[in-house]
Amino acid sequence: MIRVENLTVRYGDQVALDDVNLDIAPGEFVLLTGPSGCGKSTLARALNGLIPYASSARMTGRVVVDGVTTTDHSVAELAAHVGLVFQRPTAQLFCLTAEEEVACGPRNLGMDEDKVSQRVKFAVEAMGIEHLRGRRVSELSGGEQQRVAIAAVLSMRPTILVLDEPTSSLDWTGTAMLFSSLARLRREYGLTIVMIEHRLAEAAQLADRVIVMDGGRVVSDGAPGEILYCKELLARLGTRYPWHVLDGPIQSCASAAEEIAARERNWPAVLPVRQSQAQPPVGRPENSQPLVELRGIEAGYGRAKVLRGLDLALYPGEFAALVGDNGAGKSTVGRVLAGLLRPRRGRVVWRGRSDRIPRVGLVLQDPLVQLFCDTVEDEVAFGPRNLGRFAPQDVEQVLTVAGLTVLRRRSPYALSCGQQQRTALAAILALKPELLILDEPTLGQDWGHLSRIMDFLIELNGQGLTLLVITHDYKLICHYARRILVLSEGRIVADGAPRLPVSIETRQSAQVEARR
């Protein structure tokens, strides 16, 4: 079904893929992982002809998909064989409404309207986006856009489906629907699936095989039960180890994932609800003044109302996580706090005043929106230079922590999505904000890079930096955050401290004792 022979891809002098050889059988589900920048996305683009046809990359070697050699056919012809869902959904969304987006592919294949309607119905039901059909794509949240992008590819019914970090912005419902749909497509149509992921545990439930890449090469290839227990290899590459599959056979992954999913979709049931979000969190004096308060905030886009009388207070030196379903309004809260979106009603109060705004840094879900300089180093230095606070040692420290030192002369547009995300974060950190907001910081990030950045943020947090992380990543929340705010239908519905499920806490405690 897929054969890759001696594939080498270069971007200028940079080797992205180095003599890769690979065979994937029809109907196989392959989980592809490895550190950020190792060549995973480049391989995905080579499978559907975007490399070399729609890229400046130079390619040698041969790629055969579904009996078709990619260099002998156009990207349009290959689209009937290989469907690709990008890391950044905005890169492949261009229609006005979600329904038009999902219908676009089948229409371009020349199908009649009855057939198009059937394809659209199947795809929107598979991804649970019936309620989004008439919505404008530009008004959707990042997670909702990701679900639309996946549905648009599913409606094409390709024989091979390549998904590049499809769960990075999805809530529990979207993730569950995605995996359920993939299982159904394999069962009913024999679909071949290649999924690129840093979160291994959930995808491992369906995968027949795990391939690990590093430095543009395949360094490990085998059954999930073999690869996912190679802790030394995964640790060396900074790949996220499936921490809740530490004992027993790989099948235990399913029950652990269900346990985590149950916690994730029931945050309000497991966190103490505060009567007023203006009250300081546990451990803070009652007279502690908030860094910022949102009072009765109503905000939205166009005619769509997203935040509905939201009240929220963040205190100096806090590390809080904002969670909730796709479309709940999490990114909108970040934009209001950063001053990028003016509320329709309500007040934003900083340290008891409305006219004195401290430095606020916001790292958006799509890093390319805020990258514009010629090199990574210029990007990180731009803000401090613009404000007259440039210090070479500070820029150097941020580049080192973000793992960007060796990439400092590269164009941000020549980086992987994970590297672009780290560049955007480094550029914000160089400004030394008082409040830092991270909107889905796990996109494209391996756990090694992510944990190093988060450890540095914890250090800054200890020095007074206030952090608000918007994410669906349960591990990140429980590992770092000290407060969880649950957003639903535009309001905070629960507020409390994170706790691991009891069985996972017990398991981790037993492992700690065993190591002593």
Protein backbone atom coordinates (compact mmCIF):
# COMPACT_ATOMS: atom_id res chain seq x y z
CA MET A 1 0.00 0.00 0.00
CA ILE A 2 2.84 2.42 0.90
CA ARG A 3 6.45 1.92 -0.14
CA VAL A 4 9.17 4.46 0.58
CA GLU A 5 12.53 3.74 -1.02
CA ASN A 6 15.74 5.63 -0.22
CA LEU A 7 13.79 8.84 0.42
CA THR A 8 15.93 11.89 1.13
CA VAL A 9 14.46 15.38 1.45
CA ARG A 10 16.46 18.59 1.86
CA TYR A 11 15.38 22.14 2.62
CA GLY A 12 18.38 24.06 1.34
CA ASP A 13 21.34 22.64 3.26
CA GLN A 14 19.10 21.10 5.93
CA VAL A 15 18.46 17.36 5.60
CA ALA A 16 14.91 16.63 6.80
CA LEU A 17 14.73 12.97 5.71
CA ASP A 18 17.85 10.88 5.32
CA ASP A 19 17.58 7.74 3.17
CA VAL A 20 14.28 6.52 4.64
CA ASN A 21 12.98 3.07 3.64
CA LEU A 22 9.53 2.00 4.74
CA ASP A 23 6.75 -0.42 3.83
CA ILE A 24 3.18 -0.17 5.17
CA ALA A 25 0.64 -2.90 4.38
CA PRO A 26 -2.96 -2.28 3.26
CA GLY A 27 -5.29 -1.66 6.21
CA GLU A 28 -2.43 -1.15 8.66
CA PHE A 29 -2.59 1.52 11.41
CA VAL A 30 0.87 2.99 11.94
CA LEU A 31 1.65 5.37 14.78
CA LEU A 32 4.59 7.61 13.83
CA THR A 33 6.38 9.48 16.61
CA GLY A 34 9.67 11.13 17.49
CA PRO A 35 11.05 14.45 18.73
CA SER A 36 9.98 17.77 17.27
CA GLY A 37 11.77 18.45 13.98
CA CYS A 38 12.75 14.83 13.31
CA GLY A 39 11.07 14.73 9.87
CA LYS A 40 7.62 13.30 10.63
CA SER A 41 5.63 16.06 8.91
CA THR A 42 8.04 16.07 5.98
CA LEU A 43 7.39 12.36 5.48
CA ALA A 44 3.64 13.00 5.64
CA ARG A 45 3.90 15.62 2.89
CA ALA A 46 5.96 13.29 0.73
CA LEU A 47 3.22 10.66 0.92
CA ASN A 48 0.65 12.83 -0.86
CA GLY A 49 2.95 14.61 -3.31
CA LEU A 50 3.12 18.01 -1.61
CA ILE A 51 6.82 17.22 -1.62
CA PRO A 52 8.20 17.83 -4.18
CA TYR A 53 5.33 19.48 -6.15
CA ALA A 54 4.16 22.14 -3.68
CA SER A 55 7.39 22.72 -1.80
CA SER A 56 10.85 24.18 -2.27
CA ALA A 57 12.29 20.96 -0.82
CA ARG A 58 14.56 18.78 -2.96
CA MET A 59 13.61 15.11 -2.98
CA THR A 60 15.43 12.00 -4.11
CA GLY A 61 14.21 8.44 -3.84
CA ARG A 62 10.81 6.95 -4.57
CA VAL A 63 7.39 6.98 -2.89
CA VAL A 64 4.61 4.63 -4.04
CA VAL A 65 1.10 4.95 -2.54
CA ASP A 66 -1.81 2.70 -3.46
CA GLY A 67 0.16 1.47 -6.48
CA VAL A 68 0.86 5.02 -7.70
CA THR A 69 4.31 6.65 -7.81
CA THR A 70 3.95 10.16 -6.41
CA THR A 71 6.37 11.80 -8.84
CA ASP A 72 4.35 10.51 -11.81
CA HIS A 73 1.06 12.11 -10.76
CA SER A 74 -0.18 15.53 -9.70
CA VAL A 75 -1.19 16.45 -6.16
CA ALA A 76 -4.83 16.59 -7.34
CA GLU A 77 -4.62 13.04 -8.66
CA LEU A 78 -2.93 11.79 -5.51
CA ALA A 79 -5.64 13.38 -3.33
CA ALA A 80 -8.01 10.58 -4.37
CA HIS A 81 -5.58 8.08 -2.86
CA VAL A 82 -4.05 9.89 0.12
CA GLY A 83 -5.86 12.26 2.48
CA LEU A 84 -3.64 14.46 4.67
CA VAL A 85 -4.78 16.38 7.75
CA PHE A 86 -2.23 19.05 8.67
CA GLN A 87 -1.07 20.05 12.14
CA ARG A 88 -2.47 23.52 11.50
CA PRO A 89 -6.07 23.17 10.32
CA THR A 90 -6.14 26.75 9.00
CA ALA A 91 -3.61 25.65 6.35
CA GLN A 92 -6.31 23.62 4.60
CA LEU A 93 -9.54 25.49 5.37
CA PHE A 94 -10.68 28.04 2.80
CA CYS A 95 -14.49 27.84 2.44
CA LEU A 96 -16.89 30.16 4.25
CA THR A 97 -18.85 27.57 6.24
CA ALA A 98 -18.05 24.21 7.80
CA GLU A 99 -20.54 22.40 5.54
CA GLU A 100 -19.06 23.95 2.39
CA GLU A 101 -15.61 22.90 3.58
CA VAL A 102 -16.63 19.27 4.06
CA ALA A 103 -18.46 19.21 0.70
CA CYS A 104 -15.63 20.82 -1.25
CA GLY A 105 -13.56 17.67 -1.84
CA PRO A 106 -16.38 15.42 -3.09
CA ARG A 107 -17.63 18.21 -5.37
CA ASN A 108 -14.15 18.61 -6.85
CA LEU A 109 -14.16 14.87 -7.57
CA GLY A 110 -17.19 15.49 -9.81
CA MET A 111 -19.78 13.70 -7.66
CA ASP A 112 -23.46 14.45 -8.03
CA GLU A 113 -25.16 16.37 -5.22
CA ASP A 114 -26.87 13.29 -3.75
CA LYS A 115 -23.50 11.59 -3.38
CA VAL A 116 -21.95 14.77 -1.99
CA SER A 117 -24.74 15.00 0.60
CA GLN A 118 -24.14 11.40 1.65
CA ARG A 119 -20.41 12.04 2.04
CA VAL A 120 -21.02 15.22 4.04
CA LYS A 121 -23.54 13.48 6.30
CA PHE A 122 -21.10 10.65 7.00
CA ALA A 123 -18.17 12.96 7.73
CA VAL A 124 -19.96 15.46 9.98
CA GLU A 125 -21.56 12.66 11.98
CA ALA A 126 -18.21 10.87 12.28
CA MET A 127 -16.64 13.97 13.84
CA GLY A 128 -19.73 15.15 15.74
CA ILE A 129 -19.91 18.54 14.06
CA GLU A 130 -23.55 18.57 12.95
CA HIS A 131 -24.07 21.69 15.07
CA LEU A 132 -21.27 23.48 13.17
CA ARG A 133 -22.54 22.88 9.63
CA GLY A 134 -23.81 26.42 9.07
CA ARG A 135 -21.12 28.19 11.11
CA ARG A 136 -18.44 30.34 9.51
CA VAL A 137 -15.06 28.59 9.67
CA SER A 138 -13.35 31.83 10.72
CA GLU A 139 -15.55 32.00 13.85
CA LEU A 140 -14.76 28.47 15.06
CA SER A 141 -12.34 27.63 17.84
CA GLY A 142 -9.04 25.91 17.03
CA GLY A 143 -10.41 22.54 18.12
CA GLU A 144 -13.59 23.00 16.10
CA GLN A 145 -11.54 23.94 13.04
CA GLN A 146 -9.46 20.79 13.53
CA ARG A 147 -12.59 18.64 13.58
CA VAL A 148 -13.85 20.32 10.40
CA ALA A 149 -10.48 19.73 8.69
CA ILE A 150 -10.58 16.03 9.60
CA ALA A 151 -14.19 15.74 8.40
CA ALA A 152 -13.25 17.43 5.10
CA VAL A 153 -10.61 14.78 4.47
CA LEU A 154 -12.85 11.90 5.61
CA SER A 155 -15.52 13.01 3.10
CA MET A 156 -13.04 12.24 0.30
CA ARG A 157 -12.91 8.59 1.44
CA PRO A 158 -9.21 8.17 0.58
CA THR A 159 -7.68 4.69 0.72
CA ILE A 160 -4.81 6.08 2.82
CA LEU A 161 -5.32 8.62 5.61
CA VAL A 162 -2.37 10.55 7.05
CA LEU A 163 -3.06 12.57 10.21
CA ASP A 164 -0.45 14.99 11.55
CA GLU A 165 -1.13 15.46 15.29
CA PRO A 166 -4.92 15.31 14.90
CA THR A 167 -5.70 15.36 18.64
CA SER A 168 -3.53 18.33 19.61
CA SER A 169 -6.48 20.76 19.89
CA LEU A 170 -9.33 18.30 20.39
CA ASP A 171 -11.38 17.93 23.55
CA TRP A 172 -12.30 14.51 24.89
CA THR A 173 -15.45 14.26 22.77
CA GLY A 174 -13.60 15.11 19.56
CA THR A 175 -10.77 12.70 20.34
CA ALA A 176 -13.18 9.85 21.15
CA MET A 177 -15.16 10.47 17.96
CA LEU A 178 -11.98 10.56 15.89
CA PHE A 179 -10.71 7.21 17.16
CA SER A 180 -14.15 5.64 16.90
CA SER A 181 -14.43 6.82 13.28
CA LEU A 182 -10.95 5.54 12.43
CA ALA A 183 -11.78 2.12 13.87
CA ARG A 184 -14.99 2.04 11.83
CA LEU A 185 -13.24 3.10 8.61
CA ARG A 186 -10.63 0.39 9.04
CA ARG A 187 -13.27 -2.22 9.78
CA GLU A 188 -15.66 -1.31 6.96
CA TYR A 189 -13.37 0.02 4.24
CA GLY A 190 -9.89 -1.34 5.02
CA LEU A 191 -8.50 2.19 5.37
CA THR A 192 -4.73 2.46 5.81
CA ILE A 193 -3.84 4.99 8.51
CA VAL A 194 -0.60 6.79 9.35
CA MET A 195 -0.97 8.94 12.48
CA ILE A 196 1.75 11.31 13.68
CA GLU A 197 1.41 11.84 17.42
CA HIS A 198 3.35 12.83 20.54
CA ARG A 199 0.58 11.53 22.82
CA LEU A 200 1.16 7.83 22.41
CA ALA A 201 -1.20 6.14 24.87
CA GLU A 202 -4.53 6.90 23.17
CA ALA A 203 -3.36 6.12 19.61
CA ALA A 204 -1.60 2.93 20.77
CA GLN A 205 -5.01 1.38 21.42
CA LEU A 206 -5.65 1.15 17.67
CA ALA A 207 -2.13 1.02 16.23
CA ASP A 208 -0.71 -2.19 14.77
CA ARG A 209 2.76 -0.71 14.68
CA VAL A 210 4.84 2.14 16.10
CA ILE A 211 7.61 3.83 14.14
CA VAL A 212 10.03 6.16 15.94
CA MET A 213 12.04 8.74 13.99
CA ASP A 214 15.03 10.86 14.92
CA GLY A 215 17.27 13.07 12.81
CA GLY A 216 15.38 12.25 9.62
CA ARG A 217 15.78 8.48 10.04
CA VAL A 218 13.70 5.59 11.30
CA VAL A 219 15.37 4.48 14.53
CA SER A 220 12.81 1.97 15.78
CA ASP A 221 9.94 0.05 14.21
CA GLY A 222 7.77 -2.61 15.82
CA ALA A 223 4.61 -3.57 17.66
CA PRO A 224 3.27 -1.12 20.28
CA GLY A 225 4.02 -3.63 23.03
CA GLU A 226 7.69 -3.58 22.04
CA ILE A 227 8.30 0.08 21.27
CA LEU A 228 6.27 1.70 24.04
CA TYR A 229 8.22 -0.18 26.69
CA CYS A 230 11.59 1.01 25.40
CA LYS A 231 11.73 3.66 28.12
CA GLU A 232 15.41 4.40 27.54
CA LEU A 233 14.86 5.11 23.83
CA LEU A 234 11.78 7.25 24.38
CA ALA A 235 13.47 9.15 27.21
CA ARG A 236 16.58 9.77 25.11
CA LEU A 237 14.49 11.19 22.28
CA GLY A 238 12.29 13.20 24.64
CA THR A 239 9.23 11.33 23.42
CA ARG A 240 6.28 11.16 25.76
CA TYR A 241 6.28 7.85 27.61
CA PRO A 242 2.74 6.49 28.14
CA TRP A 243 3.00 6.93 31.90
CA HIS A 244 -0.27 5.18 32.73
CA VAL A 245 0.85 1.99 30.95
CA LEU A 246 3.75 1.25 33.27
CA ASP A 247 2.68 -2.16 34.46
CA GLY A 248 0.86 -5.05 32.87
CA PRO A 249 0.28 -5.67 29.16
CA ILE A 250 -0.30 -2.93 26.60
CA GLN A 251 -4.06 -3.71 26.66
CA SER A 252 -4.26 -1.91 30.02
CA CYS A 253 -3.87 1.30 28.03
CA ALA A 254 -7.56 1.29 27.15
CA SER A 255 -8.87 1.27 30.70
CA ALA A 256 -6.34 3.88 31.80
CA ALA A 257 -7.29 6.13 28.88
CA GLU A 258 -10.96 5.70 29.73
CA GLU A 259 -10.23 6.65 33.33
CA ILE A 260 -8.40 9.79 32.24
CA ALA A 261 -11.11 10.62 29.71
CA ALA A 262 -13.77 10.27 32.39
CA ARG A 263 -11.89 12.72 34.60
CA GLU A 264 -11.31 15.12 31.74
CA ARG A 265 -14.96 15.36 30.73
CA ASN A 266 -16.13 15.58 34.34
CA TRP A 267 -13.90 18.37 35.66
CA PRO A 268 -16.85 20.17 37.30
CA ALA A 269 -17.74 17.04 39.28
CA VAL A 270 -14.27 16.58 40.76
CA LEU A 271 -13.28 20.15 41.55
CA PRO A 272 -14.68 22.30 44.36
CA VAL A 273 -16.85 25.05 42.89
CA ARG A 274 -16.19 28.48 44.32
CA GLN A 275 -19.09 30.80 44.99
CA SER A 276 -17.08 33.68 43.56
CA GLN A 277 -14.08 33.64 41.25
CA ALA A 278 -13.05 36.90 42.93
CA GLN A 279 -11.99 34.88 45.99
CA PRO A 280 -8.27 34.08 46.24
CA PRO A 281 -7.21 30.46 45.68
CA VAL A 282 -6.38 28.15 48.57
CA GLY A 283 -3.26 29.26 50.42
CA ARG A 284 -3.58 32.95 49.58
CA PRO A 285 -4.52 35.63 52.12
CA GLU A 286 -8.11 36.79 51.99
CA ASN A 287 -6.96 40.36 51.35
CA SER A 288 -4.68 39.35 48.47
CA GLN A 289 -5.29 41.62 45.48
CA PRO A 290 -5.81 39.93 42.08
CA LEU A 291 -3.42 40.70 39.26
CA VAL A 292 -6.42 40.83 36.94
CA GLU A 293 -10.18 40.43 37.25
CA LEU A 294 -12.72 39.82 34.52
CA ARG A 295 -16.06 41.12 35.75
CA GLY A 296 -19.24 40.18 33.89
CA ILE A 297 -17.43 39.82 30.58
CA GLU A 298 -19.47 39.29 27.45
CA ALA A 299 -17.46 38.83 24.24
CA GLY A 300 -17.68 37.11 20.87
CA TYR A 301 -17.11 37.32 17.14
CA GLY A 302 -19.64 38.79 14.74
CA ARG A 303 -23.09 37.75 15.90
CA ALA A 304 -21.75 34.80 17.89
CA LYS A 305 -21.66 35.34 21.65
CA VAL A 306 -18.87 33.26 23.28
CA LEU A 307 -18.37 34.60 26.80
CA ARG A 308 -21.59 35.15 28.75
CA GLY A 309 -21.11 37.14 31.94
CA LEU A 310 -17.76 35.56 32.79
CA ASP A 311 -16.15 36.30 36.17
CA LEU A 312 -12.52 35.34 36.72
CA ALA A 313 -9.63 36.45 38.91
CA LEU A 314 -5.95 35.59 38.51
CA TYR A 315 -3.48 36.31 41.31
CA PRO A 316 0.23 37.26 41.11
CA GLY A 317 2.47 34.21 40.92
CA GLU A 318 -0.33 31.76 40.08
CA PHE A 319 0.02 28.82 37.68
CA ALA A 320 -3.52 28.17 36.47
CA ALA A 321 -4.90 25.96 33.70
CA LEU A 322 -8.04 26.84 31.75
CA VAL A 323 -9.87 23.76 30.44
CA GLY A 324 -13.15 23.05 28.70
CA ASP A 325 -14.69 21.64 25.54
CA ASN A 326 -13.87 22.92 22.07
CA GLY A 327 -15.82 26.12 21.52
CA ALA A 328 -16.29 26.83 25.24
CA GLY A 329 -14.47 30.17 24.89
CA LYS A 330 -10.97 29.40 26.26
CA SER A 331 -9.03 31.18 23.51
CA THR A 332 -11.48 34.08 23.72
CA VAL A 333 -10.60 34.50 27.42
CA GLY A 334 -6.92 34.65 26.44
CA ARG A 335 -7.60 37.28 23.79
CA VAL A 336 -9.62 39.43 26.19
CA LEU A 337 -6.84 39.26 28.81
CA ALA A 338 -4.22 40.17 26.19
CA GLY A 339 -6.28 43.12 24.94
CA LEU A 340 -6.75 41.62 21.46
CA LEU A 341 -10.52 41.43 21.85
CA ARG A 342 -12.63 44.19 23.37
CA PRO A 343 -15.49 42.92 25.55
CA ARG A 344 -19.01 43.92 24.59
CA ARG A 345 -19.90 44.23 28.25
CA GLY A 346 -18.10 43.98 31.55
CA ARG A 347 -14.75 45.24 32.83
CA VAL A 348 -11.14 44.06 32.81
CA VAL A 349 -9.52 45.32 36.01
CA TRP A 350 -5.75 45.17 36.60
CA ARG A 351 -4.64 45.40 40.24
CA GLY A 352 -7.87 47.17 41.10
CA ARG A 353 -7.62 49.64 38.21
CA SER A 354 -8.82 49.67 34.61
CA ASP A 355 -6.20 52.03 33.19
CA ARG A 356 -2.91 50.40 34.15
CA ILE A 357 -2.24 47.27 32.12
CA PRO A 358 0.93 45.25 32.86
CA ARG A 359 2.91 43.39 30.19
CA VAL A 360 0.84 40.46 28.94
CA GLY A 361 2.29 37.79 26.66
CA LEU A 362 0.00 35.55 24.60
CA VAL A 363 1.25 32.57 22.58
CA LEU A 364 -1.49 31.75 20.09
CA GLN A 365 -2.54 28.28 18.91
CA ASP A 366 -1.24 29.00 15.42
CA PRO A 367 2.38 30.18 15.82
CA LEU A 368 2.68 31.47 12.25
CA VAL A 369 0.19 34.23 13.07
CA GLN A 370 2.82 35.93 15.24
CA LEU A 371 6.08 35.13 13.42
CA PHE A 372 7.36 37.62 10.83
CA CYS A 373 11.16 38.09 11.10
CA ASP A 374 13.81 36.61 8.80
CA THR A 375 15.52 34.44 11.42
CA VAL A 376 14.67 32.80 14.74
CA GLU A 377 17.19 35.00 16.55
CA ASP A 378 15.72 38.17 15.03
CA GLU A 379 12.25 36.99 16.08
CA VAL A 380 13.28 36.51 19.71
CA ALA A 381 15.20 39.80 19.83
CA PHE A 382 12.57 41.91 18.04
CA GLY A 383 10.36 42.69 21.04
CA PRO A 384 13.12 43.71 23.47
CA ARG A 385 14.79 45.84 20.76
CA ASN A 386 11.49 47.52 19.92
CA LEU A 387 10.95 48.41 23.60
CA GLY A 388 14.55 49.51 24.13
CA ARG A 389 15.28 46.67 26.58
CA PHE A 390 17.52 44.45 24.46
CA ALA A 391 20.02 42.36 26.46
CA PRO A 392 22.05 39.74 24.53
CA GLN A 393 22.35 37.45 27.56
CA ASP A 394 18.57 37.33 28.03
CA VAL A 395 17.99 36.45 24.38
CA GLU A 396 20.67 33.76 24.62
CA GLN A 397 19.07 32.24 27.70
CA VAL A 398 15.64 32.10 26.06
CA LEU A 399 17.06 30.52 22.88
CA THR A 400 18.82 27.86 24.98
CA VAL A 401 15.80 27.00 27.10
CA ALA A 402 13.55 26.74 24.03
CA GLY A 403 16.06 24.46 22.27
CA LEU A 404 16.52 26.97 19.45
CA THR A 405 20.24 27.72 19.62
CA VAL A 406 21.15 25.53 16.65
CA LEU A 407 18.21 27.00 14.70
CA ARG A 408 18.94 30.65 15.42
CA ARG A 409 19.93 31.48 11.80
CA ARG A 410 17.01 29.58 10.26
CA SER A 411 13.90 31.22 8.90
CA PRO A 412 10.86 30.60 11.13
CA TYR A 413 9.01 29.52 7.99
CA ALA A 414 11.53 26.71 7.41
CA LEU A 415 10.89 25.16 10.84
CA SER A 416 8.58 22.36 11.91
CA CYS A 417 5.33 23.36 13.59
CA GLY A 418 6.73 22.43 17.02
CA GLN A 419 9.84 24.53 16.42
CA GLN A 420 7.68 27.44 15.28
CA GLN A 421 5.65 27.11 18.48
CA ARG A 422 8.83 27.27 20.58
CA THR A 423 10.02 30.29 18.59
CA ALA A 424 6.77 32.16 19.27
CA LEU A 425 7.04 31.30 22.97
CA ALA A 426 10.69 32.39 23.12
CA ALA A 427 9.80 35.71 21.46
CA ILE A 428 7.16 36.34 24.14
CA LEU A 429 9.40 35.23 27.02
CA ALA A 430 12.09 37.66 25.85
CA LEU A 431 9.66 40.48 26.65
CA LYS A 432 9.52 39.37 30.31
CA PRO A 433 5.74 39.60 30.69
CA GLU A 434 4.01 39.72 34.07
CA LEU A 435 1.22 37.48 32.79
CA LEU A 436 1.96 34.74 30.25
CA ILE A 437 -0.92 33.00 28.46
CA LEU A 438 -0.16 29.80 26.53
CA ASP A 439 -2.94 28.67 24.18
CA GLU A 440 -2.47 24.94 23.48
CA PRO A 441 1.34 24.95 23.94
CA THR A 442 1.65 21.21 23.23
CA LEU A 443 1.08 21.55 19.46
CA GLY A 444 3.98 19.85 17.70
CA GLN A 445 5.94 19.45 20.94
CA ASP A 446 7.66 16.31 22.13
CA TRP A 447 7.64 15.87 25.90
CA GLY A 448 11.38 16.52 26.20
CA HIS A 449 11.22 20.04 24.76
CA LEU A 450 7.90 20.75 26.42
CA SER A 451 9.05 19.69 29.89
CA ARG A 452 12.25 21.75 29.63
CA ILE A 453 10.23 24.82 28.71
CA MET A 454 7.69 24.17 31.45
CA ASP A 455 10.45 23.67 34.03
CA PHE A 456 11.87 27.06 33.03
CA LEU A 457 8.40 28.60 33.32
CA ILE A 458 8.05 27.10 36.79
CA GLU A 459 11.32 28.82 37.71
CA LEU A 460 9.97 32.13 36.37
CA ASN A 461 6.68 31.44 38.13
CA GLY A 462 8.60 31.18 41.38
CA GLN A 463 10.02 34.64 40.67
CA GLY A 464 6.51 36.10 40.28
CA LEU A 465 5.43 35.35 36.70
CA THR A 466 1.70 34.58 36.50
CA LEU A 467 0.86 31.74 34.13
CA LEU A 468 -2.40 30.75 32.45
CA VAL A 469 -2.22 27.62 30.28
CA ILE A 470 -5.09 26.76 27.95
CA THR A 471 -4.90 23.07 27.09
CA HIS A 472 -6.58 19.68 26.78
CA ASP A 473 -3.40 17.90 27.86
CA TYR A 474 -4.25 16.08 31.10
CA LYS A 475 -0.63 15.17 31.86
CA LEU A 476 0.56 18.76 31.48
CA ILE A 477 -2.19 20.02 33.76
CA CYS A 478 -1.61 17.50 36.53
CA HIS A 479 2.16 17.76 36.32
CA TYR A 480 2.46 21.54 36.49
CA ALA A 481 -0.73 23.52 37.19
CA ARG A 482 -1.78 24.36 40.74
CA ARG A 483 -5.26 25.56 39.87
CA ILE A 484 -7.79 24.46 37.27
CA LEU A 485 -10.54 26.69 35.91
CA VAL A 486 -13.29 24.91 33.98
CA LEU A 487 -15.07 26.92 31.28
CA SER A 488 -18.43 25.86 29.90
CA GLU A 489 -20.80 27.86 27.71
CA GLY A 490 -18.90 31.07 28.35
CA ARG A 491 -18.73 30.87 32.16
CA ILE A 492 -16.44 29.41 34.82
CA VAL A 493 -18.30 26.41 36.24
CA ALA A 494 -15.60 24.90 38.48
CA ASP A 495 -12.38 26.03 40.13
CA GLY A 496 -9.95 23.96 42.18
CA ALA A 497 -6.69 22.05 42.46
CA PRO A 498 -5.79 19.20 40.04
CA ARG A 499 -5.82 15.63 41.29
CA LEU A 500 -4.82 12.45 39.51
CA PRO A 501 -7.33 9.60 39.41
CA VAL A 502 -6.87 7.44 42.51
CA SER A 503 -5.70 4.35 40.63
CA ILE A 504 -3.00 6.35 38.83
CA GLU A 505 -1.89 8.02 42.07
CA THR A 506 -1.61 4.59 43.71
CA ARG A 507 0.31 3.21 40.76
CA GLN A 508 2.74 6.13 40.68
CA SER A 509 3.30 5.92 44.47
CA ALA A 510 4.07 2.22 44.16
CA GLN A 511 6.58 2.92 41.39
CA VAL A 512 8.32 5.58 43.50
CA GLU A 513 8.55 3.15 46.42
CA ALA A 514 9.90 0.43 44.15
CA ARG A 515 12.68 2.71 42.92
CA ARG A 516 13.84 3.54 46.47
